Each structure stands twice: as C-alpha cells, then as structure tokens.
PDB file of N, CA and C in Angstrom:
ATOM      1  N   MET A   1     121.417 101.416 110.085  1.00  0.00           N
ATOM      2  CA  MET A   1     120.008 101.369 109.142  1.00  0.00           C
ATOM      3  C   MET A   1     120.273 100.829 107.733  1.00  0.00           C
ATOM      4  N   LYS A   2     118.227  99.831 107.622  1.00  0.00           N
ATOM      5  CA  LYS A   2     118.280  98.929 107.599  1.00  0.00           C
ATOM      6  C   LYS A   2     116.368  99.639 107.082  1.00  0.00           C
ATOM      7  N   GLU A   3     116.637  99.096 106.157  1.00  0.00           N
ATOM      8  CA  GLU A   3     114.736  99.688 105.376  1.00  0.00           C
ATOM      9  C   GLU A   3     114.637  98.519 103.948  1.00  0.00           C
ATOM     10  N   VAL A   4     112.883  99.018 104.451  1.00  0.00           N
ATOM     11  CA  VAL A   4     112.347  97.919 104.052  1.00  0.00           C
ATOM     12  C   VAL A   4     111.205  98.846 103.699  1.00  0.00           C
ATOM     13  N   LYS A   5     110.316  97.973 101.905  1.00  0.00           N
ATOM     14  CA  LYS A   5     110.363  98.901 101.177  1.00  0.00           C
ATOM     15  C   LYS A   5     108.309  97.542 100.590  1.00  0.00           C
ATOM     16  N   TYR A   6     106.989  97.491 100.952  1.00  0.00           N
ATOM     17  CA  TYR A   6     106.546  96.901 100.266  1.00  0.00           C
ATOM     18  C   TYR A   6     105.321  97.598 100.377  1.00  0.00           C
ATOM     19  N   VAL A   7     104.429  96.858  99.828  1.00  0.00           N
ATOM     20  CA  VAL A   7     102.950  97.820  98.852  1.00  0.00           C
ATOM     21  C   VAL A   7     102.099  96.568  99.313  1.00  0.00           C
ATOM     22  N   ILE A   8     100.675  97.397 100.050  1.00  0.00           N
ATOM     23  CA  ILE A   8      99.705  96.457 101.100  1.00  0.00           C
ATOM     24  C   ILE A   8      99.236  96.599 100.150  1.00  0.00           C
ATOM     25  N   THR A   9      98.714  94.999  99.892  1.00  0.00           N
ATOM     26  CA  THR A   9      97.558  93.756  99.101  1.00  0.00           C
ATOM     27  C   THR A   9      96.142  94.248  99.735  1.00  0.00           C
ATOM     28  N   ASP A  10      96.443  94.039 100.806  1.00  0.00           N
ATOM     29  CA  ASP A  10      95.198  93.905 101.254  1.00  0.00           C
ATOM     30  C   ASP A  10      93.788  94.612 101.255  1.00  0.00           C
ATOM     31  N   PRO A  11      92.735  94.139 101.313  1.00  0.00           N
ATOM     32  CA  PRO A  11      91.364  95.383  99.800  1.00  0.00           C
ATOM     33  C   PRO A  11      91.302  96.450 101.285  1.00  0.00           C
ATOM     34  N   LEU A  12      91.568  96.584 102.264  1.00  0.00           N
ATOM     35  CA  LEU A  12      90.543  97.755 103.786  1.00  0.00           C
ATOM     36  C   LEU A  12      92.314  98.637 104.005  1.00  0.00           C
ATOM     37  N   GLY A  13      93.738  97.982 103.673  1.00  0.00           N
ATOM     38  CA  GLY A  13      94.837  98.648 103.585  1.00  0.00           C
ATOM     39  C   GLY A  13      95.224  98.281 105.112  1.00  0.00           C
ATOM     40  N   ILE A  14      95.458  98.969 105.866  1.00  0.00           N
ATOM     41  CA  ILE A  14      96.493  98.633 106.995  1.00  0.00           C
ATOM     42  C   ILE A  14      95.076  99.295 108.595  1.00  0.00           C
ATOM     43  N   HIS A  15      94.279  99.131 108.506  1.00  0.00           N
ATOM     44  CA  HIS A  15      92.745  98.999 109.447  1.00  0.00           C
ATOM     45  C   HIS A  15      93.667  99.110 110.760  1.00  0.00           C
ATOM     46  N   ALA A  16      92.364  98.831 111.946  1.00  0.00           N
ATOM     47  CA  ALA A  16      92.930  98.663 112.889  1.00  0.00           C
ATOM     48  C   ALA A  16      93.413  96.834 113.549  1.00  0.00           C
ATOM     49  N   ARG A  17      92.639  96.588 113.249  1.00  0.00           N
ATOM     50  CA  ARG A  17      93.367  94.848 113.462  1.00  0.00           C
ATOM     51  C   ARG A  17      94.083  95.212 113.457  1.00  0.00           C
ATOM     52  N   PRO A  18      95.132  95.147 112.384  1.00  0.00           N
ATOM     53  CA  PRO A  18      96.384  94.719 111.435  1.00  0.00           C
ATOM     54  C   PRO A  18      98.111  95.762 111.824  1.00  0.00           C
ATOM     55  N   ALA A  19      96.801  96.909 112.086  1.00  0.00           N
ATOM     56  CA  ALA A  19      97.775  97.592 112.868  1.00  0.00           C
ATOM     57  C   ALA A  19      97.824  97.516 114.111  1.00  0.00           C
ATOM     58  N   GLY A  20      96.944  96.898 115.180  1.00  0.00           N
ATOM     59  CA  GLY A  20      97.098  96.293 116.757  1.00  0.00           C
ATOM     60  C   GLY A  20      98.799  95.470 116.487  1.00  0.00           C
ATOM     61  N   LEU A  21      98.398  94.190 115.461  1.00  0.00           N
ATOM     62  CA  LEU A  21      98.793  93.291 114.953  1.00  0.00           C
ATOM     63  C   LEU A  21     101.016  94.038 114.691  1.00  0.00           C
ATOM     64  N   LEU A  22     100.831  94.915 114.213  1.00  0.00           N
ATOM     65  CA  LEU A  22     101.656  95.285 113.726  1.00  0.00           C
ATOM     66  C   LEU A  22     102.496  95.864 114.468  1.00  0.00           C
ATOM     67  N   VAL A  23     101.822  96.705 115.585  1.00  0.00           N
ATOM     68  CA  VAL A  23     102.173  97.449 116.594  1.00  0.00           C
ATOM     69  C   VAL A  23     102.984  96.564 117.420  1.00  0.00           C
ATOM     70  N   LYS A  24     102.530  94.778 117.542  1.00  0.00           N
ATOM     71  CA  LYS A  24     102.392  94.268 118.574  1.00  0.00           C
ATOM     72  C   LYS A  24     104.110  93.369 117.806  1.00  0.00           C
ATOM     73  N   GLU A  25     104.111  93.470 116.764  1.00  0.00           N
ATOM     74  CA  GLU A  25     105.155  93.151 116.053  1.00  0.00           C
ATOM     75  C   GLU A  25     106.845  93.792 116.332  1.00  0.00           C
ATOM     76  N   ALA A  26     106.278  94.775 115.775  1.00  0.00           N
ATOM     77  CA  ALA A  26     107.720  95.865 116.407  1.00  0.00           C
ATOM     78  C   ALA A  26     107.654  96.246 118.155  1.00  0.00           C
ATOM     79  N   ALA A  27     107.130  96.128 118.274  1.00  0.00           N
ATOM     80  CA  ALA A  27     107.237  96.159 120.024  1.00  0.00           C
ATOM     81  C   ALA A  27     108.093  95.453 120.179  1.00  0.00           C
ATOM     82  N   LYS A  28     108.511  93.759 119.858  1.00  0.00           N
ATOM     83  CA  LYS A  28     108.923  92.847 120.022  1.00  0.00           C
ATOM     84  C   LYS A  28     110.538  93.356 119.518  1.00  0.00           C
ATOM     85  N   CYS A  29     111.122  94.585 119.039  1.00  0.00           N
ATOM     86  CA  CYS A  29     112.309  95.079 118.317  1.00  0.00           C
ATOM     87  C   CYS A  29     112.627  95.838 119.073  1.00  0.00           C
ATOM     88  N   ALA A  30     114.658  95.314 119.474  1.00  0.00           N
ATOM     89  CA  ALA A  30     115.385  96.170 120.208  1.00  0.00           C
ATOM     90  C   ALA A  30     115.533  97.578 120.048  1.00  0.00           C
ATOM     91  N   CYS A  31     115.597  97.652 118.164  1.00  0.00           N
ATOM     92  CA  CYS A  31     115.681  99.245 117.643  1.00  0.00           C
ATOM     93  C   CYS A  31     115.154  99.431 117.233  1.00  0.00           C
ATOM     94  N   LYS A  32     115.159 100.983 116.977  1.00  0.00           N
ATOM     95  CA  LYS A  32     114.028 102.380 116.781  1.00  0.00           C
ATOM     96  C   LYS A  32     113.081 101.580 114.621  1.00  0.00           C
ATOM     97  N   VAL A  33     112.114 101.574 115.341  1.00  0.00           N
ATOM     98  CA  VAL A  33     111.383 100.954 113.820  1.00  0.00           C
ATOM     99  C   VAL A  33     109.951 102.445 113.513  1.00  0.00           C
ATOM    100  N   THR A  34     110.470 102.074 112.521  1.00  0.00           N
ATOM    101  CA  THR A  34     109.785 103.462 111.331  1.00  0.00           C
ATOM    102  C   THR A  34     108.569 103.116 110.136  1.00  0.00           C
ATOM    103  N   ILE A  35     107.959 103.611 109.643  1.00  0.00           N
ATOM    104  CA  ILE A  35     106.899 103.583 109.177  1.00  0.00           C
ATOM    105  C   ILE A  35     107.108 105.048 107.860  1.00  0.00           C
ATOM    106  N   SER A  36     107.036 105.031 107.187  1.00  0.00           N
ATOM    107  CA  SER A  36     106.219 106.000 106.479  1.00  0.00           C
ATOM    108  C   SER A  36     106.047 105.919 104.731  1.00  0.00           C
ATOM    109  N   VAL A  37     105.263 106.649 104.282  1.00  0.00           N
ATOM    110  CA  VAL A  37     104.360 106.760 102.689  1.00  0.00           C
ATOM    111  C   VAL A  37     104.825 107.606 102.690  1.00  0.00           C
ATOM    112  N   GLY A  38     105.501 107.098 100.940  1.00  0.00           N
ATOM    113  CA  GLY A  38     105.098 108.359 100.131  1.00  0.00           C
ATOM    114  C   GLY A  38     106.639 109.439 100.200  1.00  0.00           C
ATOM    115  N   GLY A  39     107.388 109.312 101.242  1.00  0.00           N
ATOM    116  CA  GLY A  39     108.409 110.056 101.410  1.00  0.00           C
ATOM    117  C   GLY A  39     108.332 110.893 102.739  1.00  0.00           C
ATOM    118  N   GLY A  40     106.572 110.682 103.046  1.00  0.00           N
ATOM    119  CA  GLY A  40     106.153 111.271 103.585  1.00  0.00           C
ATOM    120  C   GLY A  40     106.877 111.256 105.094  1.00  0.00           C
ATOM    121  N   ALA A  41     106.809 112.631 106.140  1.00  0.00           N
ATOM    122  CA  ALA A  41     107.205 112.109 107.216  1.00  0.00           C
ATOM    123  C   ALA A  41     106.988 110.347 107.838  1.00  0.00           C
ATOM    124  N   ALA A  42     108.225 110.497 108.558  1.00  0.00           N
ATOM    125  CA  ALA A  42     108.146 108.558 109.136  1.00  0.00           C
ATOM    126  C   ALA A  42     107.271 108.390 111.088  1.00  0.00           C
ATOM    127  N   VAL A  43     106.507 107.716 110.706  1.00  0.00           N
ATOM    128  CA  VAL A  43     106.219 108.133 112.145  1.00  0.00           C
ATOM    129  C   VAL A  43     106.531 106.705 113.314  1.00  0.00           C
ATOM    130  N   ASP A  44     106.492 106.392 114.618  1.00  0.00           N
ATOM    131  CA  ASP A  44     107.270 105.277 115.347  1.00  0.00           C
ATOM    132  C   ASP A  44     106.243 103.971 115.080  1.00  0.00           C
ATOM    133  N   ALA A  45     106.702 102.460 114.255  1.00  0.00           N
ATOM    134  CA  ALA A  45     105.606 101.608 114.371  1.00  0.00           C
ATOM    135  C   ALA A  45     105.044 100.774 115.395  1.00  0.00           C
ATOM    136  N   LYS A  46     105.150 101.400 116.800  1.00  0.00           N
ATOM    137  CA  LYS A  46     105.456 100.747 117.844  1.00  0.00           C
ATOM    138  C   LYS A  46     104.531 101.580 118.913  1.00  0.00           C
ATOM    139  N   ARG A  47     103.399 102.870 117.516  1.00  0.00           N
ATOM    140  CA  ARG A  47     103.046 103.231 118.205  1.00  0.00           C
ATOM    141  C   ARG A  47     101.194 103.826 117.860  1.00  0.00           C
ATOM    142  N   ILE A  48     100.375 102.784 117.981  1.00  0.00           N
ATOM    143  CA  ILE A  48      98.941 102.543 117.174  1.00  0.00           C
ATOM    144  C   ILE A  48      97.984 103.839 116.593  1.00  0.00           C
ATOM    145  N   MET A  49      99.047 104.618 117.267  1.00  0.00           N
ATOM    146  CA  MET A  49      98.071 106.280 117.307  1.00  0.00           C
ATOM    147  C   MET A  49      99.139 106.413 115.252  1.00  0.00           C
ATOM    148  N   GLY A  50     100.364 106.436 115.806  1.00  0.00           N
ATOM    149  CA  GLY A  50     101.503 106.365 114.495  1.00  0.00           C
ATOM    150  C   GLY A  50     100.383 105.605 113.122  1.00  0.00           C
ATOM    151  N   VAL A  51     100.557 104.275 113.561  1.00  0.00           N
ATOM    152  CA  VAL A  51     100.788 104.160 111.892  1.00  0.00           C
ATOM    153  C   VAL A  51      98.777 103.646 111.494  1.00  0.00           C
ATOM    154  N   MET A  52      98.054 104.182 112.311  1.00  0.00           N
ATOM    155  CA  MET A  52      96.101 104.532 112.223  1.00  0.00           C
ATOM    156  C   MET A  52      96.627 106.064 111.555  1.00  0.00           C
ATOM    157  N   ARG A  53      97.071 107.083 112.203  1.00  0.00           N
ATOM    158  CA  ARG A  53      97.388 108.341 111.157  1.00  0.00           C
ATOM    159  C   ARG A  53      97.626 108.218 109.819  1.00  0.00           C
ATOM    160  N   LEU A  54      98.630 106.930 109.706  1.00  0.00           N
ATOM    161  CA  LEU A  54      99.207 106.933 108.118  1.00  0.00           C
ATOM    162  C   LEU A  54      98.296 106.926 106.917  1.00  0.00           C
ATOM    163  N   ALA A  55      97.584 106.235 107.193  1.00  0.00           N
ATOM    164  CA  ALA A  55      96.098 105.677 106.465  1.00  0.00           C
ATOM    165  C   ALA A  55      96.199 105.002 105.526  1.00  0.00           C
ATOM    166  N   VAL A  56      97.062 104.421 105.287  1.00  0.00           N
ATOM    167  CA  VAL A  56      97.289 103.473 104.579  1.00  0.00           C
ATOM    168  C   VAL A  56      96.521 102.540 104.006  1.00  0.00           C
ATOM    169  N   LYS A  57      96.370 102.808 102.227  1.00  0.00           N
ATOM    170  CA  LYS A  57      95.046 102.024 101.703  1.00  0.00           C
ATOM    171  C   LYS A  57      95.822 101.085 100.740  1.00  0.00           C
ATOM    172  N   GLN A  58      95.163 100.496 100.433  1.00  0.00           N
ATOM    173  CA  GLN A  58      95.891  98.743  99.487  1.00  0.00           C
ATOM    174  C   GLN A  58      96.558  99.305  98.292  1.00  0.00           C
ATOM    175  N   GLY A  59      97.495  99.406  97.442  1.00  0.00           N
ATOM    176  CA  GLY A  59      98.768  99.673  96.540  1.00  0.00           C
ATOM    177  C   GLY A  59      99.313 100.670  97.008  1.00  0.00           C
ATOM    178  N   MET A  60      99.697 101.162  98.327  1.00  0.00           N
ATOM    179  CA  MET A  60     100.231 102.213  98.792  1.00  0.00           C
ATOM    180  C   MET A  60     101.202 101.328  99.580  1.00  0.00           C
ATOM    181  N   GLU A  61     102.759 101.971  98.946  1.00  0.00           N
ATOM    182  CA  GLU A  61     103.615 101.552  98.826  1.00  0.00           C
ATOM    183  C   GLU A  61     104.704 102.614 100.734  1.00  0.00           C
ATOM    184  N   ILE A  62     104.482 101.161 101.591  1.00  0.00           N
ATOM    185  CA  ILE A  62     105.181 101.736 102.939  1.00  0.00           C
ATOM    186  C   ILE A  62     107.035 101.183 102.873  1.00  0.00           C
ATOM    187  N   THR A  63     107.564 102.555 103.514  1.00  0.00           N
ATOM    188  CA  THR A  63     108.565 102.197 104.117  1.00  0.00           C
ATOM    189  C   THR A  63     109.085 102.297 105.779  1.00  0.00           C
ATOM    190  N   MET A  64     109.776 100.635 105.342  1.00  0.00           N
ATOM    191  CA  MET A  64     110.184 100.032 107.365  1.00  0.00           C
ATOM    192  C   MET A  64     111.017 101.105 107.319  1.00  0.00           C
ATOM    193  N   ALA A  65     111.946 101.375 109.057  1.00  0.00           N
ATOM    194  CA  ALA A  65     113.046 102.031 108.513  1.00  0.00           C
ATOM    195  C   ALA A  65     113.520 100.555 109.804  1.00  0.00           C
ATOM    196  N   PHE A  66     115.228 100.508 109.815  1.00  0.00           N
ATOM    197  CA  PHE A  66     114.887 100.050 111.240  1.00  0.00           C
ATOM    198  C   PHE A  66     117.103  99.950 111.776  1.00  0.00           C
ATOM    199  N   ASP A  67     116.449 100.812 112.917  1.00  0.00           N
ATOM    200  CA  ASP A  67     118.372 101.562 113.019  1.00  0.00           C
ATOM    201  C   ASP A  67     117.818 101.092 114.516  1.00  0.00           C
ATOM    202  N   GLY A  68     119.698 100.616 115.119  1.00  0.00           N
ATOM    203  CA  GLY A  68     119.582  99.249 116.286  1.00  0.00           C
ATOM    204  C   GLY A  68     120.431  98.155 116.225  1.00  0.00           C
ATOM    205  N   PRO A  69     120.364  97.777 117.517  1.00  0.00           N
ATOM    206  CA  PRO A  69     121.586  96.791 117.315  1.00  0.00           C
ATOM    207  C   PRO A  69     121.334  95.001 116.931  1.00  0.00           C
ATOM    208  N   ASP A  70     119.837  95.115 116.880  1.00  0.00           N
ATOM    209  CA  ASP A  70     118.649  94.292 116.263  1.00  0.00           C
ATOM    210  C   ASP A  70     118.487  94.428 114.848  1.00  0.00           C
ATOM    211  N   GLU A  71     118.470  95.258 114.290  1.00  0.00           N
ATOM    212  CA  GLU A  71     117.692  95.869 112.423  1.00  0.00           C
ATOM    213  C   GLU A  71     117.602  94.888 111.555  1.00  0.00           C
ATOM    214  N   ASP A  72     119.134  94.271 111.267  1.00  0.00           N
ATOM    215  CA  ASP A  72     118.683  92.666 110.735  1.00  0.00           C
ATOM    216  C   ASP A  72     117.841  92.213 110.803  1.00  0.00           C
ATOM    217  N   ALA A  73     117.884  91.440 111.777  1.00  0.00           N
ATOM    218  CA  ALA A  73     116.770  89.821 112.381  1.00  0.00           C
ATOM    219  C   ALA A  73     115.243  91.098 112.710  1.00  0.00           C
ATOM    220  N   ALA A  74     115.300  92.257 112.505  1.00  0.00           N
ATOM    221  CA  ALA A  74     113.909  92.506 112.951  1.00  0.00           C
ATOM    222  C   ALA A  74     113.021  93.460 111.605  1.00  0.00           C
ATOM    223  N   ALA A  75     114.379  93.427 110.812  1.00  0.00           N
ATOM    224  CA  ALA A  75     113.715  93.984 109.031  1.00  0.00           C
ATOM    225  C   ALA A  75     113.401  92.110 108.782  1.00  0.00           C
ATOM    226  N   ASP A  76     113.637  91.078 109.346  1.00  0.00           N
ATOM    227  CA  ASP A  76     113.109  90.026 108.707  1.00  0.00           C
ATOM    228  C   ASP A  76     112.198  89.354 108.587  1.00  0.00           C
ATOM    229  N   ALA A  77     111.590  90.414 110.322  1.00  0.00           N
ATOM    230  CA  ALA A  77     110.773  89.464 111.128  1.00  0.00           C
ATOM    231  C   ALA A  77     109.576  90.231 111.397  1.00  0.00           C
ATOM    232  N   LEU A  78     110.211  91.547 110.738  1.00  0.00           N
ATOM    233  CA  LEU A  78     108.443  92.700 109.746  1.00  0.00           C
ATOM    234  C   LEU A  78     108.529  92.799 108.208  1.00  0.00           C
ATOM    235  N   GLU A  79     108.996  91.876 107.562  1.00  0.00           N
ATOM    236  CA  GLU A  79     108.729  91.657 106.267  1.00  0.00           C
ATOM    237  C   GLU A  79     108.298  90.461 105.723  1.00  0.00           C
ATOM    238  N   ALA A  80     108.473  88.744 107.333  1.00  0.00           N
ATOM    239  CA  ALA A  80     107.954  88.076 107.037  1.00  0.00           C
ATOM    240  C   ALA A  80     106.370  88.532 107.361  1.00  0.00           C
ATOM    241  N   PHE A  81     106.020  89.290 108.514  1.00  0.00           N
ATOM    242  CA  PHE A  81     104.841  90.089 109.071  1.00  0.00           C
ATOM    243  C   PHE A  81     104.323  90.339 107.975  1.00  0.00           C
ATOM    244  N   LEU A  82     104.367  91.703 106.416  1.00  0.00           N
ATOM    245  CA  LEU A  82     104.632  92.504 106.055  1.00  0.00           C
ATOM    246  C   LEU A  82     103.271  90.989 105.194  1.00  0.00           C
ATOM    247  N   LYS A  83     104.146  90.369 104.135  1.00  0.00           N
ATOM    248  CA  LYS A  83     103.545  89.154 103.903  1.00  0.00           C
ATOM    249  C   LYS A  83     103.029  87.966 104.127  1.00  0.00           C
ATOM    250  N   ALA A  84     102.885  88.107 105.205  1.00  0.00           N
ATOM    251  CA  ALA A  84     102.122  86.884 106.173  1.00  0.00           C
ATOM    252  C   ALA A  84     100.733  87.575 106.022  1.00  0.00           C
ATOM    253  N   ASN A  85     100.839  88.912 106.452  1.00  0.00           N
ATOM    254  CA  ASN A  85      99.571  89.381 107.260  1.00  0.00           C
ATOM    255  C   ASN A  85      98.608  91.336 106.120  1.00  0.00           C
ATOM    256  N   LEU A  86      99.302  91.345 105.509  1.00  0.00           N
ATOM    257  CA  LEU A  86      99.207  92.833 104.904  1.00  0.00           C
ATOM    258  C   LEU A  86      99.371  92.348 103.324  1.00  0.00           C
TER     259      LEU A  86
END
C-alpha cells in the first residue's frame, strides 16, 4: 500500500469540476484508490459523490491511499494531477 499526502491550494477547494477530473483520473487505475481528510473515513476516489462529500477546502491536507497491482504508477500519476490541478 502506498500513500500520498497533499495540501489543497486551489482557492475553491475540491469543487465539482476538479472532483470530476480527479474521479476520471482515478478510474484509470487498476488499484483501489481512496481519499481521506484529517484522519477521517476514507472514500472511494473513483466515485464522485464520495469525493464531493469530503467538502475539501483550500489549505486542508488530503491523504490518498493506493492498494493494488499498479499502486506505484497510480500514486505518481495522481500526485502529478493534484499538483497540476488542485
């Protein structure tokens, strides 16, 4: 299992547009991908409603966990996505 921590810099946080893009990017991964905030319950990063329910705002730290066959490549790809978009 691999984890990536990232502090959201987007002034609007993870709102509808970037959440949809994040879900699409996560859906490309064969491994299980989850997101949690502040040690709370993790949600499936491949489901838009779960990601939106987190209500992530600017300055909050998220933790993405990857578990499966392509976890290293998935972690690298989604970390790059976060840096470029959020």
